[in-house]
Protein backbone atom coordinates (compact mmCIF):
# COMPACT_ATOMS: atom_id res chain seq x y z
CA UNK A 1 0.00 0.00 0.00
CA UNK A 2 1.18 3.49 -0.75
CA UNK A 3 2.35 5.96 1.84
CA UNK A 4 0.07 8.50 0.15
CA UNK A 5 -3.44 7.04 0.48
CA UNK A 6 -5.92 9.87 0.76
CA UNK A 7 -8.80 8.20 -1.12
CA UNK A 8 -11.29 5.84 0.48
CA UNK A 9 -11.15 3.46 -2.49
CA UNK A 10 -8.74 2.49 -5.21
CA UNK A 11 -9.21 2.71 -8.96
CA UNK A 12 -9.50 -1.06 -9.38
CA UNK A 13 -12.43 -1.34 -6.96
CA UNK A 14 -15.03 -1.46 -9.76
CA UNK A 15 -13.17 -4.42 -11.29
CA UNK A 16 -12.25 -6.10 -8.01
CA UNK A 17 -14.20 -9.31 -8.77
CA UNK A 18 -12.62 -9.55 -12.22
CA UNK A 19 -9.14 -9.15 -10.73
CA UNK A 20 -9.84 -11.71 -8.03
CA UNK A 21 -11.09 -14.22 -10.61
CA UNK A 22 -7.99 -13.69 -12.74
CA UNK A 23 -5.74 -14.10 -9.70
CA UNK A 24 -7.51 -17.33 -8.74
CA UNK A 25 -6.86 -18.66 -12.25
CA UNK A 26 -3.22 -17.65 -11.89
CA UNK A 27 -3.05 -19.52 -8.58
CA UNK A 28 -4.39 -22.58 -10.35
CA UNK A 29 -1.78 -22.19 -13.09
CA UNK A 30 0.99 -22.01 -10.46
CA UNK A 31 -0.30 -25.17 -8.77
CA UNK A 32 -0.44 -26.85 -12.17
CA UNK A 33 3.20 -26.00 -12.80
CA UNK A 34 4.17 -27.45 -9.42
CA UNK A 35 2.25 -30.60 -10.30
CA UNK A 36 4.04 -30.79 -13.66
CA UNK A 37 7.42 -30.63 -11.94
CA UNK A 38 6.32 -33.21 -9.37
CA UNK A 39 5.17 -35.49 -12.19
CA UNK A 40 8.45 -34.86 -14.05
CA UNK A 41 6.79 -33.52 -17.20
CA UNK A 42 8.84 -32.40 -20.19
CA UNK A 43 10.95 -29.28 -19.51
CA UNK A 44 9.67 -27.34 -22.51
CA UNK A 45 6.05 -27.95 -21.49
CA UNK A 46 6.80 -26.59 -18.01
CA UNK A 47 8.57 -23.56 -19.48
CA UNK A 48 5.58 -22.92 -21.75
CA UNK A 49 3.29 -22.89 -18.71
CA UNK A 50 5.66 -20.59 -16.83
CA UNK A 51 5.57 -18.19 -19.77
CA UNK A 52 1.76 -18.26 -19.74
CA UNK A 53 1.73 -17.62 -15.98
CA UNK A 54 4.12 -14.70 -16.36
CA UNK A 55 1.95 -13.20 -19.12
CA UNK A 56 -1.16 -13.57 -16.97
CA UNK A 57 0.52 -11.78 -14.06
CA UNK A 58 1.76 -9.03 -16.36
CA UNK A 59 -1.80 -8.54 -17.67
CA UNK A 60 -3.07 -8.07 -14.11
CA UNK A 61 -0.23 -5.66 -13.36
CA UNK A 62 -0.89 -3.58 -16.47
CA UNK A 63 -4.61 -3.49 -15.66
CA UNK A 64 -3.93 -2.30 -12.12
CA UNK A 65 -1.48 0.29 -13.40
CA UNK A 66 -4.04 1.53 -15.91
CA UNK A 67 -6.69 1.81 -13.20
CA UNK A 68 -4.21 3.61 -10.95
CA UNK A 69 -3.38 6.14 -13.66
CA UNK A 70 -7.04 6.72 -14.58
CA UNK A 71 -8.21 7.18 -11.02
CA UNK A 72 -5.56 7.84 -8.37
CA UNK A 73 -3.13 9.81 -10.52
CA UNK A 74 -5.83 11.79 -12.35
CA UNK A 75 -7.54 12.68 -9.04
CA UNK A 76 -4.23 13.75 -7.52
CA UNK A 77 -3.32 15.76 -10.62
CA UNK A 78 -6.62 17.63 -10.35
CA UNK A 79 -5.86 18.42 -6.71
CA UNK A 80 -2.31 19.46 -7.63
CA UNK A 81 0.53 20.11 -5.27
CA UNK A 82 2.65 17.59 -3.43
CA UNK A 83 0.06 14.80 -3.66
CA UNK A 84 0.11 15.03 -7.46
CA UNK A 85 3.89 14.90 -7.53
CA UNK A 86 3.92 11.87 -5.22
CA UNK A 87 1.29 9.95 -7.22
CA UNK A 88 3.14 10.60 -10.47
CA UNK A 89 6.40 9.42 -8.88
CA UNK A 90 4.66 6.29 -7.56
CA UNK A 91 3.33 5.53 -11.04
CA UNK A 92 6.74 6.12 -12.64
CA UNK A 93 8.41 3.87 -10.05
CA UNK A 94 5.80 1.14 -10.62
CA UNK A 95 6.35 1.33 -14.38
CA UNK A 96 10.11 1.08 -13.87
CA UNK A 97 9.65 -2.04 -11.70
CA UNK A 98 7.42 -3.64 -14.32
CA UNK A 99 9.88 -2.88 -17.11
CA UNK A 100 12.78 -4.37 -15.12
CA UNK A 101 10.94 -7.58 -14.26
PDB file of N, CA and C in Angstrom:
ATOM      1  N   UNK A   1       0.839  -1.167   0.000  1.00  0.00           N
ATOM      2  CA  UNK A   1       0.000   0.000   0.000  1.00  0.00           C
ATOM      3  C   UNK A   1       0.888   1.236   0.000  1.00  0.00           C
ATOM      4  N   UNK A   2       0.417   2.262  -0.597  1.00  0.00           N
ATOM      5  CA  UNK A   2       1.179   3.491  -0.750  1.00  0.00           C
ATOM      6  C   UNK A   2       1.228   4.272   0.547  1.00  0.00           C
ATOM      7  N   UNK A   3       2.271   5.078   0.696  1.00  0.00           N
ATOM      8  CA  UNK A   3       2.347   5.960   1.838  1.00  0.00           C
ATOM      9  C   UNK A   3       1.440   7.166   1.653  1.00  0.00           C
ATOM     10  N   UNK A   4       0.954   7.383   0.450  1.00  0.00           N
ATOM     11  CA  UNK A   4       0.066   8.498   0.153  1.00  0.00           C
ATOM     12  C   UNK A   4      -1.290   7.917  -0.249  1.00  0.00           C
ATOM     13  N   UNK A   5      -2.132   7.628   0.742  1.00  0.00           N
ATOM     14  CA  UNK A   5      -3.438   7.039   0.478  1.00  0.00           C
ATOM     15  C   UNK A   5      -4.517   7.946   1.039  1.00  0.00           C
ATOM     16  N   UNK A   6      -4.938   8.922   0.268  1.00  0.00           N
ATOM     17  CA  UNK A   6      -5.917   9.868   0.755  1.00  0.00           C
ATOM     18  C   UNK A   6      -7.320   9.530   0.298  1.00  0.00           C
ATOM     19  N   UNK A   7      -7.484   8.563  -0.613  1.00  0.00           N
ATOM     20  CA  UNK A   7      -8.796   8.201  -1.118  1.00  0.00           C
ATOM     21  C   UNK A   7      -9.344   7.020  -0.345  1.00  0.00           C
ATOM     22  N   UNK A   8     -10.670   6.930  -0.257  1.00  0.00           N
ATOM     23  CA  UNK A   8     -11.289   5.845   0.481  1.00  0.00           C
ATOM     24  C   UNK A   8     -11.361   4.573  -0.336  1.00  0.00           C
ATOM     25  N   UNK A   9     -11.161   4.650  -1.651  1.00  0.00           N
ATOM     26  CA  UNK A   9     -11.147   3.457  -2.494  1.00  0.00           C
ATOM     27  C   UNK A   9     -10.093   3.621  -3.581  1.00  0.00           C
ATOM     28  N   UNK A  10      -9.762   2.496  -4.168  1.00  0.00           N
ATOM     29  CA  UNK A  10      -8.739   2.488  -5.209  1.00  0.00           C
ATOM     30  C   UNK A  10      -9.402   2.365  -6.566  1.00  0.00           C
ATOM     31  N   UNK A  11      -8.673   2.722  -7.610  1.00  0.00           N
ATOM     32  CA  UNK A  11      -9.213   2.711  -8.960  1.00  0.00           C
ATOM     33  C   UNK A  11      -9.706   1.360  -9.425  1.00  0.00           C
ATOM     34  N   UNK A  12      -9.121   0.279  -8.925  1.00  0.00           N
ATOM     35  CA  UNK A  12      -9.502  -1.056  -9.381  1.00  0.00           C
ATOM     36  C   UNK A  12     -10.774  -1.567  -8.726  1.00  0.00           C
ATOM     37  N   UNK A  13     -11.325  -0.833  -7.773  1.00  0.00           N
ATOM     38  CA  UNK A  13     -12.432  -1.343  -6.964  1.00  0.00           C
ATOM     39  C   UNK A  13     -13.631  -1.769  -7.817  1.00  0.00           C
ATOM     40  N   UNK A  14     -13.888  -1.082  -8.919  1.00  0.00           N
ATOM     41  CA  UNK A  14     -15.029  -1.455  -9.757  1.00  0.00           C
ATOM     42  C   UNK A  14     -14.779  -2.767 -10.489  1.00  0.00           C
ATOM     43  N   UNK A  15     -13.527  -3.163 -10.626  1.00  0.00           N
ATOM     44  CA  UNK A  15     -13.166  -4.418 -11.290  1.00  0.00           C
ATOM     45  C   UNK A  15     -12.599  -5.439 -10.317  1.00  0.00           C
ATOM     46  N   UNK A  16     -12.838  -5.233  -9.037  1.00  0.00           N
ATOM     47  CA  UNK A  16     -12.250  -6.102  -8.013  1.00  0.00           C
ATOM     48  C   UNK A  16     -12.566  -7.573  -8.263  1.00  0.00           C
ATOM     49  N   UNK A  17     -13.826  -7.903  -8.536  1.00  0.00           N
ATOM     50  CA  UNK A  17     -14.201  -9.306  -8.768  1.00  0.00           C
ATOM     51  C   UNK A  17     -13.466  -9.887  -9.974  1.00  0.00           C
ATOM     52  N   UNK A  18     -13.334  -9.093 -11.024  1.00  0.00           N
ATOM     53  CA  UNK A  18     -12.619  -9.554 -12.216  1.00  0.00           C
ATOM     54  C   UNK A  18     -11.151  -9.833 -11.888  1.00  0.00           C
ATOM     55  N   UNK A  19     -10.527  -8.932 -11.125  1.00  0.00           N
ATOM     56  CA  UNK A  19      -9.137  -9.148 -10.727  1.00  0.00           C
ATOM     57  C   UNK A  19      -9.004 -10.387  -9.849  1.00  0.00           C
ATOM     58  N   UNK A  20      -9.910 -10.552  -8.905  1.00  0.00           N
ATOM     59  CA  UNK A  20      -9.845 -11.712  -8.026  1.00  0.00           C
ATOM     60  C   UNK A  20     -10.002 -13.005  -8.805  1.00  0.00           C
ATOM     61  N   UNK A  21     -10.915 -13.023  -9.782  1.00  0.00           N
ATOM     62  CA  UNK A  21     -11.088 -14.217 -10.610  1.00  0.00           C
ATOM     63  C   UNK A  21      -9.828 -14.527 -11.413  1.00  0.00           C
ATOM     64  N   UNK A  22      -9.223 -13.483 -11.977  1.00  0.00           N
ATOM     65  CA  UNK A  22      -7.988 -13.691 -12.742  1.00  0.00           C
ATOM     66  C   UNK A  22      -6.874 -14.212 -11.844  1.00  0.00           C
ATOM     67  N   UNK A  23      -6.783 -13.662 -10.631  1.00  0.00           N
ATOM     68  CA  UNK A  23      -5.741 -14.102  -9.704  1.00  0.00           C
ATOM     69  C   UNK A  23      -5.975 -15.541  -9.242  1.00  0.00           C
ATOM     70  N   UNK A  24      -7.217 -15.939  -9.090  1.00  0.00           N
ATOM     71  CA  UNK A  24      -7.514 -17.334  -8.739  1.00  0.00           C
ATOM     72  C   UNK A  24      -7.094 -18.271  -9.868  1.00  0.00           C
ATOM     73  N   UNK A  25      -7.318 -17.851 -11.116  1.00  0.00           N
ATOM     74  CA  UNK A  25      -6.862 -18.664 -12.249  1.00  0.00           C
ATOM     75  C   UNK A  25      -5.336 -18.760 -12.257  1.00  0.00           C
ATOM     76  N   UNK A  26      -4.680 -17.660 -11.946  1.00  0.00           N
ATOM     77  CA  UNK A  26      -3.220 -17.648 -11.889  1.00  0.00           C
ATOM     78  C   UNK A  26      -2.727 -18.585 -10.789  1.00  0.00           C
ATOM     79  N   UNK A  27      -3.402 -18.577  -9.647  1.00  0.00           N
ATOM     80  CA  UNK A  27      -3.047 -19.518  -8.576  1.00  0.00           C
ATOM     81  C   UNK A  27      -3.144 -20.960  -9.074  1.00  0.00           C
ATOM     82  N   UNK A  28      -4.206 -21.242  -9.793  1.00  0.00           N
ATOM     83  CA  UNK A  28      -4.389 -22.579 -10.354  1.00  0.00           C
ATOM     84  C   UNK A  28      -3.286 -22.935 -11.332  1.00  0.00           C
ATOM     85  N   UNK A  29      -2.887 -21.962 -12.154  1.00  0.00           N
ATOM     86  CA  UNK A  29      -1.779 -22.195 -13.086  1.00  0.00           C
ATOM     87  C   UNK A  29      -0.497 -22.521 -12.322  1.00  0.00           C
ATOM     88  N   UNK A  30      -0.226 -21.781 -11.249  1.00  0.00           N
ATOM     89  CA  UNK A  30       0.990 -22.015 -10.465  1.00  0.00           C
ATOM     90  C   UNK A  30       0.957 -23.411  -9.840  1.00  0.00           C
ATOM     91  N   UNK A  31      -0.181 -23.813  -9.325  1.00  0.00           N
ATOM     92  CA  UNK A  31      -0.300 -25.171  -8.769  1.00  0.00           C
ATOM     93  C   UNK A  31      -0.100 -26.215  -9.862  1.00  0.00           C
ATOM     94  N   UNK A  32      -0.618 -25.928 -11.047  1.00  0.00           N
ATOM     95  CA  UNK A  32      -0.436 -26.847 -12.172  1.00  0.00           C
ATOM     96  C   UNK A  32       1.026 -27.011 -12.556  1.00  0.00           C
ATOM     97  N   UNK A  33       1.767 -25.925 -12.504  1.00  0.00           N
ATOM     98  CA  UNK A  33       3.204 -25.998 -12.804  1.00  0.00           C
ATOM     99  C   UNK A  33       3.918 -26.836 -11.750  1.00  0.00           C
ATOM    100  N   UNK A  34       3.581 -26.635 -10.491  1.00  0.00           N
ATOM    101  CA  UNK A  34       4.174 -27.450  -9.425  1.00  0.00           C
ATOM    102  C   UNK A  34       3.876 -28.925  -9.650  1.00  0.00           C
ATOM    103  N   UNK A  35       2.650 -29.213 -10.030  1.00  0.00           N
ATOM    104  CA  UNK A  35       2.249 -30.596 -10.295  1.00  0.00           C
ATOM    105  C   UNK A  35       3.047 -31.161 -11.481  1.00  0.00           C
ATOM    106  N   UNK A  36       3.255 -30.340 -12.503  1.00  0.00           N
ATOM    107  CA  UNK A  36       4.037 -30.785 -13.661  1.00  0.00           C
ATOM    108  C   UNK A  36       5.457 -31.157 -13.256  1.00  0.00           C
ATOM    109  N   UNK A  37       6.067 -30.341 -12.406  1.00  0.00           N
ATOM    110  CA  UNK A  37       7.423 -30.634 -11.940  1.00  0.00           C
ATOM    111  C   UNK A  37       7.403 -31.919 -11.113  1.00  0.00           C
ATOM    112  N   UNK A  38       6.431 -32.017 -10.203  1.00  0.00           N
ATOM    113  CA  UNK A  38       6.320 -33.207  -9.366  1.00  0.00           C
ATOM    114  C   UNK A  38       6.160 -34.475 -10.209  1.00  0.00           C
ATOM    115  N   UNK A  39       5.416 -34.344 -11.305  1.00  0.00           N
ATOM    116  CA  UNK A  39       5.174 -35.486 -12.186  1.00  0.00           C
ATOM    117  C   UNK A  39       6.256 -35.647 -13.250  1.00  0.00           C
ATOM    118  N   UNK A  40       7.298 -34.804 -13.158  1.00  0.00           N
ATOM    119  CA  UNK A  40       8.455 -34.862 -14.052  1.00  0.00           C
ATOM    120  C   UNK A  40       8.059 -34.755 -15.524  1.00  0.00           C
ATOM    121  N   UNK A  41       7.201 -33.769 -15.810  1.00  0.00           N
ATOM    122  CA  UNK A  41       6.792 -33.515 -17.196  1.00  0.00           C
ATOM    123  C   UNK A  41       7.961 -32.934 -17.982  1.00  0.00           C
ATOM    124  N   UNK A  42       7.804 -32.888 -19.279  1.00  0.00           N
ATOM    125  CA  UNK A  42       8.838 -32.403 -20.192  1.00  0.00           C
ATOM    126  C   UNK A  42       9.170 -30.934 -19.902  1.00  0.00           C
ATOM    127  N   UNK A  43      10.458 -30.623 -19.859  1.00  0.00           N
ATOM    128  CA  UNK A  43      10.951 -29.283 -19.508  1.00  0.00           C
ATOM    129  C   UNK A  43      10.281 -28.178 -20.329  1.00  0.00           C
ATOM    130  N   UNK A  44      10.215 -28.379 -21.627  1.00  0.00           N
ATOM    131  CA  UNK A  44       9.670 -27.344 -22.505  1.00  0.00           C
ATOM    132  C   UNK A  44       8.198 -27.087 -22.206  1.00  0.00           C
ATOM    133  N   UNK A  45       7.460 -28.126 -21.862  1.00  0.00           N
ATOM    134  CA  UNK A  45       6.053 -27.954 -21.493  1.00  0.00           C
ATOM    135  C   UNK A  45       5.921 -27.126 -20.214  1.00  0.00           C
ATOM    136  N   UNK A  46       6.802 -27.359 -19.260  1.00  0.00           N
ATOM    137  CA  UNK A  46       6.797 -26.586 -18.014  1.00  0.00           C
ATOM    138  C   UNK A  46       7.149 -25.131 -18.310  1.00  0.00           C
ATOM    139  N   UNK A  47       8.178 -24.930 -19.124  1.00  0.00           N
ATOM    140  CA  UNK A  47       8.573 -23.560 -19.479  1.00  0.00           C
ATOM    141  C   UNK A  47       7.453 -22.825 -20.207  1.00  0.00           C
ATOM    142  N   UNK A  48       6.716 -23.523 -21.047  1.00  0.00           N
ATOM    143  CA  UNK A  48       5.579 -22.920 -21.751  1.00  0.00           C
ATOM    144  C   UNK A  48       4.532 -22.446 -20.743  1.00  0.00           C
ATOM    145  N   UNK A  49       4.269 -23.261 -19.735  1.00  0.00           N
ATOM    146  CA  UNK A  49       3.285 -22.886 -18.712  1.00  0.00           C
ATOM    147  C   UNK A  49       3.790 -21.731 -17.852  1.00  0.00           C
ATOM    148  N   UNK A  50       5.087 -21.706 -17.576  1.00  0.00           N
ATOM    149  CA  UNK A  50       5.663 -20.591 -16.825  1.00  0.00           C
ATOM    150  C   UNK A  50       5.515 -19.300 -17.617  1.00  0.00           C
ATOM    151  N   UNK A  51       5.737 -19.365 -18.919  1.00  0.00           N
ATOM    152  CA  UNK A  51       5.571 -18.194 -19.767  1.00  0.00           C
ATOM    153  C   UNK A  51       4.124 -17.702 -19.743  1.00  0.00           C
ATOM    154  N   UNK A  52       3.178 -18.626 -19.795  1.00  0.00           N
ATOM    155  CA  UNK A  52       1.761 -18.256 -19.742  1.00  0.00           C
ATOM    156  C   UNK A  52       1.416 -17.623 -18.397  1.00  0.00           C
ATOM    157  N   UNK A  53       1.967 -18.165 -17.323  1.00  0.00           N
ATOM    158  CA  UNK A  53       1.732 -17.616 -15.985  1.00  0.00           C
ATOM    159  C   UNK A  53       2.293 -16.204 -15.874  1.00  0.00           C
ATOM    160  N   UNK A  54       3.486 -16.024 -16.389  1.00  0.00           N
ATOM    161  CA  UNK A  54       4.121 -14.699 -16.362  1.00  0.00           C
ATOM    162  C   UNK A  54       3.279 -13.690 -17.151  1.00  0.00           C
ATOM    163  N   UNK A  55       2.790 -14.087 -18.308  1.00  0.00           N
ATOM    164  CA  UNK A  55       1.951 -13.204 -19.124  1.00  0.00           C
ATOM    165  C   UNK A  55       0.659 -12.844 -18.398  1.00  0.00           C
ATOM    166  N   UNK A  56       0.071 -13.825 -17.715  1.00  0.00           N
ATOM    167  CA  UNK A  56      -1.164 -13.571 -16.973  1.00  0.00           C
ATOM    168  C   UNK A  56      -0.925 -12.572 -15.839  1.00  0.00           C
ATOM    169  N   UNK A  57       0.181 -12.723 -15.131  1.00  0.00           N
ATOM    170  CA  UNK A  57       0.516 -11.776 -14.058  1.00  0.00           C
ATOM    171  C   UNK A  57       0.782 -10.378 -14.613  1.00  0.00           C
ATOM    172  N   UNK A  58       1.483 -10.328 -15.741  1.00  0.00           N
ATOM    173  CA  UNK A  58       1.757  -9.028 -16.359  1.00  0.00           C
ATOM    174  C   UNK A  58       0.467  -8.345 -16.785  1.00  0.00           C
ATOM    175  N   UNK A  59      -0.513  -9.116 -17.270  1.00  0.00           N
ATOM    176  CA  UNK A  59      -1.801  -8.537 -17.669  1.00  0.00           C
ATOM    177  C   UNK A  59      -2.521  -7.933 -16.463  1.00  0.00           C
ATOM    178  N   UNK A  60      -2.461  -8.616 -15.327  1.00  0.00           N
ATOM    179  CA  UNK A  60      -3.071  -8.073 -14.110  1.00  0.00           C
ATOM    180  C   UNK A  60      -2.335  -6.797 -13.702  1.00  0.00           C
ATOM    181  N   UNK A  61      -1.014  -6.824 -13.740  1.00  0.00           N
ATOM    182  CA  UNK A  61      -0.225  -5.655 -13.356  1.00  0.00           C
ATOM    183  C   UNK A  61      -0.531  -4.458 -14.247  1.00  0.00           C
ATOM    184  N   UNK A  62      -0.604  -4.675 -15.543  1.00  0.00           N
ATOM    185  CA  UNK A  62      -0.892  -3.576 -16.469  1.00  0.00           C
ATOM    186  C   UNK A  62      -2.310  -3.038 -16.228  1.00  0.00           C
ATOM    187  N   UNK A  63      -3.252  -3.923 -15.960  1.00  0.00           N
ATOM    188  CA  UNK A  63      -4.610  -3.487 -15.655  1.00  0.00           C
ATOM    189  C   UNK A  63      -4.661  -2.635 -14.400  1.00  0.00           C
ATOM    190  N   UNK A  64      -3.966  -3.079 -13.358  1.00  0.00           N
ATOM    191  CA  UNK A  64      -3.928  -2.302 -12.119  1.00  0.00           C
ATOM    192  C   UNK A  64      -3.240  -0.959 -12.334  1.00  0.00           C
ATOM    193  N   UNK A  65      -2.175  -0.959 -13.105  1.00  0.00           N
ATOM    194  CA  UNK A  65      -1.480   0.295 -13.397  1.00  0.00           C
ATOM    195  C   UNK A  65      -2.391   1.243 -14.164  1.00  0.00           C
ATOM    196  N   UNK A  66      -3.106   0.723 -15.140  1.00  0.00           N
ATOM    197  CA  UNK A  66      -4.035   1.531 -15.913  1.00  0.00           C
ATOM    198  C   UNK A  66      -5.120   2.136 -15.013  1.00  0.00           C
ATOM    199  N   UNK A  67      -5.686   1.312 -14.136  1.00  0.00           N
ATOM    200  CA  UNK A  67      -6.690   1.813 -13.198  1.00  0.00           C
ATOM    201  C   UNK A  67      -6.095   2.875 -12.275  1.00  0.00           C
ATOM    202  N   UNK A  68      -4.872   2.648 -11.823  1.00  0.00           N
ATOM    203  CA  UNK A  68      -4.206   3.614 -10.950  1.00  0.00           C
ATOM    204  C   UNK A  68      -4.031   4.958 -11.663  1.00  0.00           C
ATOM    205  N   UNK A  69      -3.582   4.893 -12.905  1.00  0.00           N
ATOM    206  CA  UNK A  69      -3.384   6.138 -13.657  1.00  0.00           C
ATOM    207  C   UNK A  69      -4.702   6.861 -13.890  1.00  0.00           C
ATOM    208  N   UNK A  70      -5.736   6.114 -14.263  1.00  0.00           N
ATOM    209  CA  UNK A  70      -7.037   6.719 -14.578  1.00  0.00           C
ATOM    210  C   UNK A  70      -7.755   7.284 -13.364  1.00  0.00           C
ATOM    211  N   UNK A  71      -7.471   6.743 -12.205  1.00  0.00           N
ATOM    212  CA  UNK A  71      -8.205   7.181 -11.016  1.00  0.00           C
ATOM    213  C   UNK A  71      -7.307   7.937 -10.046  1.00  0.00           C
ATOM    214  N   UNK A  72      -6.383   7.234  -9.418  1.00  0.00           N
ATOM    215  CA  UNK A  72      -5.561   7.837  -8.368  1.00  0.00           C
ATOM    216  C   UNK A  72      -4.707   8.997  -8.880  1.00  0.00           C
ATOM    217  N   UNK A  73      -4.025   8.776  -9.997  1.00  0.00           N
ATOM    218  CA  UNK A  73      -3.132   9.814 -10.521  1.00  0.00           C
ATOM    219  C   UNK A  73      -3.934  10.996 -11.070  1.00  0.00           C
ATOM    220  N   UNK A  74      -5.004  10.708 -11.804  1.00  0.00           N
ATOM    221  CA  UNK A  74      -5.827  11.793 -12.346  1.00  0.00           C
ATOM    222  C   UNK A  74      -6.437  12.617 -11.217  1.00  0.00           C
ATOM    223  N   UNK A  75      -6.961  11.947 -10.177  1.00  0.00           N
ATOM    224  CA  UNK A  75      -7.538  12.677  -9.039  1.00  0.00           C
ATOM    225  C   UNK A  75      -6.490  13.543  -8.360  1.00  0.00           C
ATOM    226  N   UNK A  76      -5.305  12.987  -8.157  1.00  0.00           N
ATOM    227  CA  UNK A  76      -4.234  13.749  -7.515  1.00  0.00           C
ATOM    228  C   UNK A  76      -3.786  14.909  -8.396  1.00  0.00           C
ATOM    229  N   UNK A  77      -3.726  14.695  -9.705  1.00  0.00           N
ATOM    230  CA  UNK A  77      -3.317  15.764 -10.622  1.00  0.00           C
ATOM    231  C   UNK A  77      -4.320  16.914 -10.570  1.00  0.00           C
ATOM    232  N   UNK A  78      -5.591  16.572 -10.474  1.00  0.00           N
ATOM    233  CA  UNK A  78      -6.615  17.629 -10.353  1.00  0.00           C
ATOM    234  C   UNK A  78      -6.429  18.433  -9.072  1.00  0.00           C
ATOM    235  N   UNK A  79      -6.066  17.742  -7.993  1.00  0.00           N
ATOM    236  CA  UNK A  79      -5.857  18.417  -6.713  1.00  0.00           C
ATOM    237  C   UNK A  79      -4.575  19.235  -6.743  1.00  0.00           C
ATOM    238  N   UNK A  80      -3.581  18.756  -7.502  1.00  0.00           N
ATOM    239  CA  UNK A  80      -2.308  19.465  -7.628  1.00  0.00           C
ATOM    240  C   UNK A  80      -1.433  19.325  -6.402  1.00  0.00           C
ATOM    241  N   UNK A  81      -0.365  20.053  -6.403  1.00  0.00           N
ATOM    242  CA  UNK A  81       0.535  20.110  -5.266  1.00  0.00           C
ATOM    243  C   UNK A  81       1.362  18.869  -5.059  1.00  0.00           C
ATOM    244  N   UNK A  82       1.752  18.681  -3.796  1.00  0.00           N
ATOM    245  CA  UNK A  82       2.651  17.587  -3.429  1.00  0.00           C
ATOM    246  C   UNK A  82       2.017  16.217  -3.684  1.00  0.00           C
ATOM    247  N   UNK A  83       0.723  16.084  -3.436  1.00  0.00           N
ATOM    248  CA  UNK A  83       0.057  14.802  -3.664  1.00  0.00           C
ATOM    249  C   UNK A  83       0.178  14.385  -5.131  1.00  0.00           C
ATOM    250  N   UNK A  84      -0.007  15.340  -6.037  1.00  0.00           N
ATOM    251  CA  UNK A  84       0.108  15.035  -7.465  1.00  0.00           C
ATOM    252  C   UNK A  84       1.521  14.569  -7.794  1.00  0.00           C
ATOM    253  N   UNK A  85       2.495  15.274  -7.281  1.00  0.00           N
ATOM    254  CA  UNK A  85       3.893  14.898  -7.532  1.00  0.00           C
ATOM    255  C   UNK A  85       4.188  13.497  -6.998  1.00  0.00           C
ATOM    256  N   UNK A  86       3.674  13.177  -5.820  1.00  0.00           N
ATOM    257  CA  UNK A  86       3.917  11.870  -5.216  1.00  0.00           C
ATOM    258  C   UNK A  86       3.240  10.752  -6.019  1.00  0.00           C
ATOM    259  N   UNK A  87       2.003  10.973  -6.450  1.00  0.00           N
ATOM    260  CA  UNK A  87       1.289   9.949  -7.221  1.00  0.00           C
ATOM    261  C   UNK A  87       1.968   9.710  -8.567  1.00  0.00           C
ATOM    262  N   UNK A  88       2.436  10.754  -9.188  1.00  0.00           N
ATOM    263  CA  UNK A  88       3.140  10.602 -10.472  1.00  0.00           C
ATOM    264  C   UNK A  88       4.443   9.837 -10.262  1.00  0.00           C
ATOM    265  N   UNK A  89       5.164  10.150  -9.181  1.00  0.00           N
ATOM    266  CA  UNK A  89       6.400   9.423  -8.881  1.00  0.00           C
ATOM    267  C   UNK A  89       6.095   7.957  -8.591  1.00  0.00           C
ATOM    268  N   UNK A  90       5.040   7.680  -7.829  1.00  0.00           N
ATOM    269  CA  UNK A  90       4.663   6.292  -7.562  1.00  0.00           C
ATOM    270  C   UNK A  90       4.402   5.534  -8.859  1.00  0.00           C
ATOM    271  N   UNK A  91       3.646   6.167  -9.761  1.00  0.00           N
ATOM    272  CA  UNK A  91       3.327   5.526 -11.040  1.00  0.00           C
ATOM    273  C   UNK A  91       4.596   5.292 -11.850  1.00  0.00           C
ATOM    274  N   UNK A  92       5.485   6.278 -11.901  1.00  0.00           N
ATOM    275  CA  UNK A  92       6.743   6.118 -12.637  1.00  0.00           C
ATOM    276  C   UNK A  92       7.585   5.002 -12.049  1.00  0.00           C
ATOM    277  N   UNK A  93       7.646   4.936 -10.717  1.00  0.00           N
ATOM    278  CA  UNK A  93       8.415   3.873 -10.045  1.00  0.00           C
ATOM    279  C   UNK A  93       7.808   2.500 -10.342  1.00  0.00           C
ATOM    280  N   UNK A  94       6.484   2.416 -10.332  1.00  0.00           N
ATOM    281  CA  UNK A  94       5.804   1.138 -10.624  1.00  0.00           C
ATOM    282  C   UNK A  94       6.086   0.705 -12.060  1.00  0.00           C
ATOM    283  N   UNK A  95       6.048   1.639 -12.986  1.00  0.00           N
ATOM    284  CA  UNK A  95       6.346   1.327 -14.383  1.00  0.00           C
ATOM    285  C   UNK A  95       7.779   0.831 -14.509  1.00  0.00           C
ATOM    286  N   UNK A  96       8.700   1.500 -13.818  1.00  0.00           N
ATOM    287  CA  UNK A  96      10.105   1.081 -13.872  1.00  0.00           C
ATOM    288  C   UNK A  96      10.264  -0.340 -13.336  1.00  0.00           C
ATOM    289  N   UNK A  97       9.564  -0.680 -12.253  1.00  0.00           N
ATOM    290  CA  UNK A  97       9.653  -2.042 -11.700  1.00  0.00           C
ATOM    291  C   UNK A  97       9.100  -3.054 -12.695  1.00  0.00           C
ATOM    292  N   UNK A  98       7.998  -2.718 -13.351  1.00  0.00           N
ATOM    293  CA  UNK A  98       7.422  -3.642 -14.324  1.00  0.00           C
ATOM    294  C   UNK A  98       8.337  -3.837 -15.524  1.00  0.00           C
ATOM    295  N   UNK A  99       8.983  -2.794 -15.961  1.00  0.00           N
ATOM    296  CA  UNK A  99       9.880  -2.883 -17.112  1.00  0.00           C
ATOM    297  C   UNK A  99      11.104  -3.727 -16.764  1.00  0.00           C
ATOM    298  N   UNK A 100      11.597  -3.609 -15.543  1.00  0.00           N
ATOM    299  CA  UNK A 100      12.780  -4.372 -15.125  1.00  0.00           C
ATOM    300  C   UNK A 100      12.470  -5.844 -14.925  1.00  0.00           C
ATOM    301  N   UNK A 101      11.248  -6.172 -14.597  1.00  0.00           N
ATOM    302  CA  UNK A 101      10.938  -7.575 -14.259  1.00  0.00           C
ATOM    303  C   UNK A 101      10.774  -8.463 -15.463  1.00  0.00           C
TER     304      UNK A 101
END
